[in-house]
PDB file of N, CA and C in Angstrom:
ATOM      1  N   MET A   1       0.830  -1.155  -0.016  1.00  0.00           N
ATOM      2  CA  MET A   1      -0.041  -0.040   0.009  1.00  0.00           C
ATOM      3  C   MET A   1       0.876   1.248   0.008  1.00  0.00           C
ATOM      4  N   PHE A   2       0.465   2.241  -0.801  1.00  0.00           N
ATOM      5  CA  PHE A   2       1.258   3.467  -0.861  1.00  0.00           C
ATOM      6  C   PHE A   2       0.410   4.635  -0.507  1.00  0.00           C
ATOM      7  N   LEU A   3       1.043   5.662  -0.030  1.00  0.00           N
ATOM      8  CA  LEU A   3       0.450   6.956   0.171  1.00  0.00           C
ATOM      9  C   LEU A   3       0.979   7.918  -0.832  1.00  0.00           C
ATOM     10  N   GLY A   4       0.087   8.609  -1.532  1.00  0.00           N
ATOM     11  CA  GLY A   4       0.520   9.529  -2.549  1.00  0.00           C
ATOM     12  C   GLY A   4       0.805  10.937  -1.935  1.00  0.00           C
ATOM     13  N   TRP A   5       1.862  11.561  -2.395  1.00  0.00           N
ATOM     14  CA  TRP A   5       2.236  12.889  -1.938  1.00  0.00           C
ATOM     15  C   TRP A   5       2.616  13.735  -3.097  1.00  0.00           C
ATOM     16  N   TYR A   6       1.984  14.917  -3.228  1.00  0.00           N
ATOM     17  CA  TYR A   6       2.243  15.859  -4.282  1.00  0.00           C
ATOM     18  C   TYR A   6       2.600  17.182  -3.692  1.00  0.00           C
ATOM     19  N   ASP A   7       3.717  17.690  -4.122  1.00  0.00           N
ATOM     20  CA  ASP A   7       4.197  19.011  -3.627  1.00  0.00           C
ATOM     21  C   ASP A   7       4.881  19.766  -4.790  1.00  0.00           C
ATOM     22  N   PRO A   8       4.187  20.667  -5.437  1.00  0.00           N
ATOM     23  CA  PRO A   8       4.740  21.338  -6.623  1.00  0.00           C
ATOM     24  C   PRO A   8       5.724  22.490  -6.316  1.00  0.00           C
ATOM     25  N   ASP A   9       6.053  22.741  -5.023  1.00  0.00           N
ATOM     26  CA  ASP A   9       6.969  23.813  -4.615  1.00  0.00           C
ATOM     27  C   ASP A   9       8.374  23.572  -5.260  1.00  0.00           C
ATOM     28  N   LYS A  10       8.684  24.367  -6.192  1.00  0.00           N
ATOM     29  CA  LYS A  10       9.996  24.170  -6.941  1.00  0.00           C
ATOM     30  C   LYS A  10      11.206  24.593  -6.158  1.00  0.00           C
ATOM     31  N   LYS A  11      10.963  25.389  -5.076  1.00  0.00           N
ATOM     32  CA  LYS A  11      12.091  25.843  -4.255  1.00  0.00           C
ATOM     33  C   LYS A  11      12.429  24.892  -3.147  1.00  0.00           C
ATOM     34  N   LYS A  12      11.577  23.883  -2.875  1.00  0.00           N
ATOM     35  CA  LYS A  12      11.811  22.862  -1.909  1.00  0.00           C
ATOM     36  C   LYS A  12      12.506  21.659  -2.494  1.00  0.00           C
ATOM     37  N   PRO A  13      13.596  21.173  -1.937  1.00  0.00           N
ATOM     38  CA  PRO A  13      14.299  19.995  -2.474  1.00  0.00           C
ATOM     39  C   PRO A  13      13.468  18.768  -2.396  1.00  0.00           C
ATOM     40  N   ALA A  14      13.735  17.828  -3.276  1.00  0.00           N
ATOM     41  CA  ALA A  14      13.006  16.537  -3.326  1.00  0.00           C
ATOM     42  C   ALA A  14      13.214  15.814  -1.984  1.00  0.00           C
ATOM     43  N   ARG A  15      14.346  15.942  -1.353  1.00  0.00           N
ATOM     44  CA  ARG A  15      14.615  15.241  -0.078  1.00  0.00           C
ATOM     45  C   ARG A  15      13.638  15.677   1.004  1.00  0.00           C
ATOM     46  N   ALA A  16      13.283  16.985   1.003  1.00  0.00           N
ATOM     47  CA  ALA A  16      12.336  17.542   1.975  1.00  0.00           C
ATOM     48  C   ALA A  16      10.937  17.032   1.713  1.00  0.00           C
ATOM     49  N   LYS A  17      10.608  16.926   0.474  1.00  0.00           N
ATOM     50  CA  LYS A  17       9.283  16.430   0.059  1.00  0.00           C
ATOM     51  C   LYS A  17       9.136  14.934   0.492  1.00  0.00           C
ATOM     52  N   LEU A  18      10.193  14.194   0.177  1.00  0.00           N
ATOM     53  CA  LEU A  18      10.188  12.787   0.558  1.00  0.00           C
ATOM     54  C   LEU A  18      10.119  12.605   2.117  1.00  0.00           C
ATOM     55  N   ALA A  19      10.844  13.447   2.819  1.00  0.00           N
ATOM     56  CA  ALA A  19      10.795  13.292   4.293  1.00  0.00           C
ATOM     57  C   ALA A  19       9.373  13.660   4.820  1.00  0.00           C
ATOM     58  N   GLU A  20       8.707  14.634   4.212  1.00  0.00           N
ATOM     59  CA  GLU A  20       7.340  14.989   4.631  1.00  0.00           C
ATOM     60  C   GLU A  20       6.366  13.824   4.328  1.00  0.00           C
ATOM     61  N   ALA A  21       6.556  13.257   3.119  1.00  0.00           N
ATOM     62  CA  ALA A  21       5.670  12.147   2.782  1.00  0.00           C
ATOM     63  C   ALA A  21       5.894  10.942   3.702  1.00  0.00           C
ATOM     64  N   SER A  22       7.168  10.661   4.046  1.00  0.00           N
ATOM     65  CA  SER A  22       7.488   9.562   4.915  1.00  0.00           C
ATOM     66  C   SER A  22       6.875   9.792   6.285  1.00  0.00           C
ATOM     67  N   GLU A  23       6.993  11.014   6.784  1.00  0.00           N
ATOM     68  CA  GLU A  23       6.407  11.346   8.077  1.00  0.00           C
ATOM     69  C   GLU A  23       4.954  11.177   8.155  1.00  0.00           C
ATOM     70  N   ARG A  24       4.246  11.618   7.094  1.00  0.00           N
ATOM     71  CA  ARG A  24       2.791  11.446   7.019  1.00  0.00           C
ATOM     72  C   ARG A  24       2.400   9.960   6.948  1.00  0.00           C
ATOM     73  N   TYR A  25       3.195   9.163   6.173  1.00  0.00           N
ATOM     74  CA  TYR A  25       2.897   7.786   6.104  1.00  0.00           C
ATOM     75  C   TYR A  25       2.993   7.130   7.490  1.00  0.00           C
ATOM     76  N   GLN A  26       4.058   7.468   8.201  1.00  0.00           N
ATOM     77  CA  GLN A  26       4.238   6.913   9.536  1.00  0.00           C
ATOM     78  C   GLN A  26       3.131   7.345  10.496  1.00  0.00           C
ATOM     79  N   GLU A  27       2.667   8.557  10.383  1.00  0.00           N
ATOM     80  CA  GLU A  27       1.557   9.007  11.211  1.00  0.00           C
ATOM     81  C   GLU A  27       0.272   8.234  10.908  1.00  0.00           C
ATOM     82  N   LYS A  28       0.016   7.979   9.643  1.00  0.00           N
ATOM     83  CA  LYS A  28      -1.202   7.342   9.235  1.00  0.00           C
ATOM     84  C   LYS A  28      -1.188   5.840   9.433  1.00  0.00           C
ATOM     85  N   PHE A  29      -0.064   5.201   9.197  1.00  0.00           N
ATOM     86  CA  PHE A  29      -0.051   3.703   9.244  1.00  0.00           C
ATOM     87  C   PHE A  29       0.750   3.135  10.387  1.00  0.00           C
ATOM     88  N   GLY A  30       1.405   4.000  11.179  1.00  0.00           N
ATOM     89  CA  GLY A  30       2.117   3.518  12.401  1.00  0.00           C
ATOM     90  C   GLY A  30       3.416   2.824  12.116  1.00  0.00           C
ATOM     91  N   ARG A  31       3.950   2.923  10.978  1.00  0.00           N
ATOM     92  CA  ARG A  31       5.252   2.310  10.654  1.00  0.00           C
ATOM     93  C   ARG A  31       5.894   3.110   9.518  1.00  0.00           C
ATOM     94  N   PRO A  32       7.184   3.106   9.402  1.00  0.00           N
ATOM     95  CA  PRO A  32       7.827   3.851   8.346  1.00  0.00           C
ATOM     96  C   PRO A  32       7.678   3.179   7.002  1.00  0.00           C
ATOM     97  N   PRO A  33       7.656   3.938   5.926  1.00  0.00           N
ATOM     98  CA  PRO A  33       7.568   3.364   4.589  1.00  0.00           C
ATOM     99  C   PRO A  33       8.836   2.524   4.262  1.00  0.00           C
ATOM    100  N   ALA A  34       8.686   1.592   3.393  1.00  0.00           N
ATOM    101  CA  ALA A  34       9.800   0.736   2.946  1.00  0.00           C
ATOM    102  C   ALA A  34      10.328   1.054   1.603  1.00  0.00           C
ATOM    103  N   ALA A  35       9.613   1.898   0.842  1.00  0.00           N
ATOM    104  CA  ALA A  35      10.023   2.194  -0.530  1.00  0.00           C
ATOM    105  C   ALA A  35       9.361   3.509  -1.016  1.00  0.00           C
ATOM    106  N   CYS A  36       9.910   4.072  -2.092  1.00  0.00           N
ATOM    107  CA  CYS A  36       9.329   5.228  -2.665  1.00  0.00           C
ATOM    108  C   CYS A  36       9.321   5.106  -4.176  1.00  0.00           C
ATOM    109  N   LEU A  37       8.186   5.396  -4.817  1.00  0.00           N
ATOM    110  CA  LEU A  37       8.090   5.495  -6.255  1.00  0.00           C
ATOM    111  C   LEU A  37       7.947   6.921  -6.564  1.00  0.00           C
ATOM    112  N   THR A  38       8.653   7.430  -7.580  1.00  0.00           N
ATOM    113  CA  THR A  38       8.558   8.809  -7.978  1.00  0.00           C
ATOM    114  C   THR A  38       8.970   8.956  -9.459  1.00  0.00           C
ATOM    115  N   SER A  39       8.926  10.122  -9.965  1.00  0.00           N
ATOM    116  CA  SER A  39       9.349  10.342 -11.372  1.00  0.00           C
ATOM    117  C   SER A  39      10.806  10.077 -11.533  1.00  0.00           C
ATOM    118  N   ASN A  40      11.180   9.832 -12.746  1.00  0.00           N
ATOM    119  CA  ASN A  40      12.628   9.606 -13.053  1.00  0.00           C
ATOM    120  C   ASN A  40      13.480  10.791 -12.653  1.00  0.00           C
ATOM    121  N   ALA A  41      12.958  12.006 -12.920  1.00  0.00           N
ATOM    122  CA  ALA A  41      13.705  13.198 -12.566  1.00  0.00           C
ATOM    123  C   ALA A  41      13.931  13.366 -11.039  1.00  0.00           C
ATOM    124  N   ASP A  42      12.855  13.141 -10.287  1.00  0.00           N
ATOM    125  CA  ASP A  42      12.943  13.249  -8.877  1.00  0.00           C
ATOM    126  C   ASP A  42      13.842  12.105  -8.244  1.00  0.00           C
ATOM    127  N   ALA A  43      13.771  10.945  -8.861  1.00  0.00           N
ATOM    128  CA  ALA A  43      14.599   9.859  -8.414  1.00  0.00           C
ATOM    129  C   ALA A  43      16.057  10.152  -8.632  1.00  0.00           C
ATOM    130  N   GLU A  44      16.366  10.821  -9.775  1.00  0.00           N
ATOM    131  CA  GLU A  44      17.764  11.231 -10.039  1.00  0.00           C
ATOM    132  C   GLU A  44      18.192  12.287  -9.012  1.00  0.00           C
ATOM    133  N   ASP A  45      17.328  13.262  -8.741  1.00  0.00           N
ATOM    134  CA  ASP A  45      17.711  14.285  -7.756  1.00  0.00           C
ATOM    135  C   ASP A  45      17.969  13.646  -6.398  1.00  0.00           C
ATOM    136  N   LEU A  46      17.161  12.719  -5.957  1.00  0.00           N
ATOM    137  CA  LEU A  46      17.372  12.047  -4.701  1.00  0.00           C
ATOM    138  C   LEU A  46      18.622  11.202  -4.703  1.00  0.00           C
ATOM    139  N   GLY A  47      18.913  10.543  -5.853  1.00  0.00           N
ATOM    140  CA  GLY A  47      20.156   9.752  -5.873  1.00  0.00           C
ATOM    141  C   GLY A  47      21.388  10.577  -5.829  1.00  0.00           C
ATOM    142  N   ASN A  48      21.332  11.804  -6.237  1.00  0.00           N
ATOM    143  CA  ASN A  48      22.505  12.729  -6.229  1.00  0.00           C
ATOM    144  C   ASN A  48      22.579  13.552  -4.955  1.00  0.00           C
ATOM    145  N   ASP A  49      21.608  13.422  -4.050  1.00  0.00           N
ATOM    146  CA  ASP A  49      21.609  14.201  -2.832  1.00  0.00           C
ATOM    147  C   ASP A  49      22.056  13.386  -1.659  1.00  0.00           C
ATOM    148  N   PRO A  50      23.222  13.699  -1.096  1.00  0.00           N
ATOM    149  CA  PRO A  50      23.754  12.904   0.057  1.00  0.00           C
ATOM    150  C   PRO A  50      22.875  13.072   1.292  1.00  0.00           C
ATOM    151  N   LYS A  51      22.029  14.125   1.401  1.00  0.00           N
ATOM    152  CA  LYS A  51      21.208  14.317   2.553  1.00  0.00           C
ATOM    153  C   LYS A  51      19.803  13.692   2.463  1.00  0.00           C
ATOM    154  N   ALA A  52      19.549  13.015   1.297  1.00  0.00           N
ATOM    155  CA  ALA A  52      18.271  12.370   1.037  1.00  0.00           C
ATOM    156  C   ALA A  52      17.999  11.267   2.066  1.00  0.00           C
ATOM    157  N   PRO A  53      16.709  11.082   2.471  1.00  0.00           N
ATOM    158  CA  PRO A  53      16.394   9.987   3.399  1.00  0.00           C
ATOM    159  C   PRO A  53      16.889   8.628   2.893  1.00  0.00           C
ATOM    160  N   ALA A  54      17.300   7.795   3.804  1.00  0.00           N
ATOM    161  CA  ALA A  54      17.768   6.476   3.424  1.00  0.00           C
ATOM    162  C   ALA A  54      16.547   5.558   3.173  1.00  0.00           C
ATOM    163  N   LEU A  55      15.976   5.626   1.982  1.00  0.00           N
ATOM    164  CA  LEU A  55      14.840   4.888   1.602  1.00  0.00           C
ATOM    165  C   LEU A  55      15.029   4.466   0.186  1.00  0.00           C
ATOM    166  N   PRO A  56      14.793   3.178  -0.222  1.00  0.00           N
ATOM    167  CA  PRO A  56      14.905   2.783  -1.540  1.00  0.00           C
ATOM    168  C   PRO A  56      13.938   3.591  -2.451  1.00  0.00           C
ATOM    169  N   VAL A  57      14.506   4.202  -3.490  1.00  0.00           N
ATOM    170  CA  VAL A  57      13.720   5.033  -4.405  1.00  0.00           C
ATOM    171  C   VAL A  57      13.777   4.486  -5.789  1.00  0.00           C
ATOM    172  N   ARG A  58      12.652   4.340  -6.438  1.00  0.00           N
ATOM    173  CA  ARG A  58      12.568   3.852  -7.784  1.00  0.00           C
ATOM    174  C   ARG A  58      11.884   4.860  -8.658  1.00  0.00           C
ATOM    175  N   GLY A  59      12.521   5.265  -9.681  1.00  0.00           N
ATOM    176  CA  GLY A  59      11.945   6.178 -10.657  1.00  0.00           C
ATOM    177  C   GLY A  59      11.148   5.464 -11.705  1.00  0.00           C
ATOM    178  N   VAL A  60       9.975   5.952 -12.043  1.00  0.00           N
ATOM    179  CA  VAL A  60       9.151   5.334 -13.072  1.00  0.00           C
ATOM    180  C   VAL A  60       8.571   6.395 -13.970  1.00  0.00           C
ATOM    181  N   ALA A  61       8.406   6.050 -15.228  1.00  0.00           N
ATOM    182  CA  ALA A  61       8.001   7.028 -16.216  1.00  0.00           C
ATOM    183  C   ALA A  61       6.552   7.528 -16.066  1.00  0.00           C
ATOM    184  N   PHE A  62       5.648   6.713 -15.457  1.00  0.00           N
ATOM    185  CA  PHE A  62       4.286   7.130 -15.386  1.00  0.00           C
ATOM    186  C   PHE A  62       3.835   7.990 -14.204  1.00  0.00           C
ATOM    187  N   ILE A  63       4.845   8.306 -13.358  1.00  0.00           N
ATOM    188  CA  ILE A  63       4.555   9.240 -12.224  1.00  0.00           C
ATOM    189  C   ILE A  63       5.063  10.624 -12.579  1.00  0.00           C
ATOM    190  N   PRO A  64       4.189  11.653 -12.458  1.00  0.00           N
ATOM    191  CA  PRO A  64       4.630  12.993 -12.822  1.00  0.00           C
ATOM    192  C   PRO A  64       5.688  13.590 -11.803  1.00  0.00           C
ATOM    193  N   ARG A  65       6.363  14.604 -12.244  1.00  0.00           N
ATOM    194  CA  ARG A  65       7.325  15.271 -11.372  1.00  0.00           C
ATOM    195  C   ARG A  65       6.638  15.818 -10.133  1.00  0.00           C
ATOM    196  N   HIS A  66       7.400  15.849  -8.992  1.00  0.00           N
ATOM    197  CA  HIS A  66       6.941  16.344  -7.733  1.00  0.00           C
ATOM    198  C   HIS A  66       5.886  15.517  -7.090  1.00  0.00           C
ATOM    199  N   THR A  67       5.782  14.213  -7.474  1.00  0.00           N
ATOM    200  CA  THR A  67       4.856  13.307  -6.864  1.00  0.00           C
ATOM    201  C   THR A  67       5.603  12.145  -6.311  1.00  0.00           C
ATOM    202  N   PHE A  68       5.302  11.715  -5.086  1.00  0.00           N
ATOM    203  CA  PHE A  68       5.960  10.648  -4.402  1.00  0.00           C
ATOM    204  C   PHE A  68       4.918   9.685  -3.863  1.00  0.00           C
ATOM    205  N   TYR A  69       5.125   8.383  -4.085  1.00  0.00           N
ATOM    206  CA  TYR A  69       4.303   7.349  -3.525  1.00  0.00           C
ATOM    207  C   TYR A  69       5.267   6.651  -2.539  1.00  0.00           C
ATOM    208  N   VAL A  70       4.904   6.713  -1.244  1.00  0.00           N
ATOM    209  CA  VAL A  70       5.721   6.083  -0.210  1.00  0.00           C
ATOM    210  C   VAL A  70       4.860   4.985   0.397  1.00  0.00           C
ATOM    211  N   GLY A  71       5.535   3.845   0.750  1.00  0.00           N
ATOM    212  CA  GLY A  71       4.816   2.717   1.327  1.00  0.00           C
ATOM    213  C   GLY A  71       5.577   1.445   1.204  1.00  0.00           C
ATOM    214  N   VAL A  72       4.784   0.370   1.043  1.00  0.00           N
ATOM    215  CA  VAL A  72       5.364  -0.974   0.964  1.00  0.00           C
ATOM    216  C   VAL A  72       5.142  -1.472  -0.468  1.00  0.00           C
ATOM    217  N   ASP A  73       6.258  -1.806  -1.197  1.00  0.00           N
ATOM    218  CA  ASP A  73       6.136  -2.298  -2.544  1.00  0.00           C
ATOM    219  C   ASP A  73       5.806  -3.744  -2.480  1.00  0.00           C
ATOM    220  N   GLU A  74       4.592  -4.116  -2.874  1.00  0.00           N
ATOM    221  CA  GLU A  74       4.131  -5.475  -2.710  1.00  0.00           C
ATOM    222  C   GLU A  74       4.312  -6.336  -4.004  1.00  0.00           C
ATOM    223  N   LEU A  75       4.947  -5.724  -5.028  1.00  0.00           N
ATOM    224  CA  LEU A  75       5.192  -6.515  -6.223  1.00  0.00           C
ATOM    225  C   LEU A  75       6.291  -7.476  -6.035  1.00  0.00           C
ATOM    226  N   PRO A  76       6.209  -8.729  -6.512  1.00  0.00           N
ATOM    227  CA  PRO A  76       7.331  -9.640  -6.518  1.00  0.00           C
ATOM    228  C   PRO A  76       8.523  -9.009  -7.212  1.00  0.00           C
ATOM    229  N   ALA A  77       9.688  -9.368  -6.830  1.00  0.00           N
ATOM    230  CA  ALA A  77      10.928  -8.756  -7.384  1.00  0.00           C
ATOM    231  C   ALA A  77      10.981  -8.815  -8.901  1.00  0.00           C
ATOM    232  N   ALA A  78      10.610  -9.934  -9.529  1.00  0.00           N
ATOM    233  CA  ALA A  78      10.638 -10.068 -10.989  1.00  0.00           C
ATOM    234  C   ALA A  78       9.730  -9.107 -11.663  1.00  0.00           C
ATOM    235  N   MET A  79       8.569  -8.907 -11.111  1.00  0.00           N
ATOM    236  CA  MET A  79       7.593  -7.955 -11.659  1.00  0.00           C
ATOM    237  C   MET A  79       8.066  -6.502 -11.495  1.00  0.00           C
ATOM    238  N   ALA A  80       8.656  -6.222 -10.374  1.00  0.00           N
ATOM    239  CA  ALA A  80       9.152  -4.854 -10.097  1.00  0.00           C
ATOM    240  C   ALA A  80      10.264  -4.467 -11.054  1.00  0.00           C
ATOM    241  N   GLU A  81      11.119  -5.376 -11.359  1.00  0.00           N
ATOM    242  CA  GLU A  81      12.213  -5.077 -12.318  1.00  0.00           C
ATOM    243  C   GLU A  81      11.630  -4.808 -13.678  1.00  0.00           C
ATOM    244  N   ALA A  82      10.588  -5.482 -14.077  1.00  0.00           N
ATOM    245  CA  ALA A  82      10.024  -5.282 -15.385  1.00  0.00           C
ATOM    246  C   ALA A  82       9.267  -3.960 -15.525  1.00  0.00           C
ATOM    247  N   ALA A  83       8.806  -3.425 -14.350  1.00  0.00           N
ATOM    248  CA  ALA A  83       8.095  -2.146 -14.387  1.00  0.00           C
ATOM    249  C   ALA A  83       9.118  -1.064 -14.558  1.00  0.00           C
TER     250      ALA A  83
END
């Protein structure tokens, strides 16, 4: 299950947006998220940011910029690699 988070503020770094999304997920579900799905551009920003939260991030083409889905990736590993 994922929680969707959209923050179009271009002045705020992706790491801050991901941290806010993770915090909200923990408040709502009582546990920290285990993965993040986001746009390829945001995934690249997070991968190049040493201060980004330590959370596995996967960039996918169908998610628009400034959108983060945090939660538990329930796809089997083989299907996740194909996505």
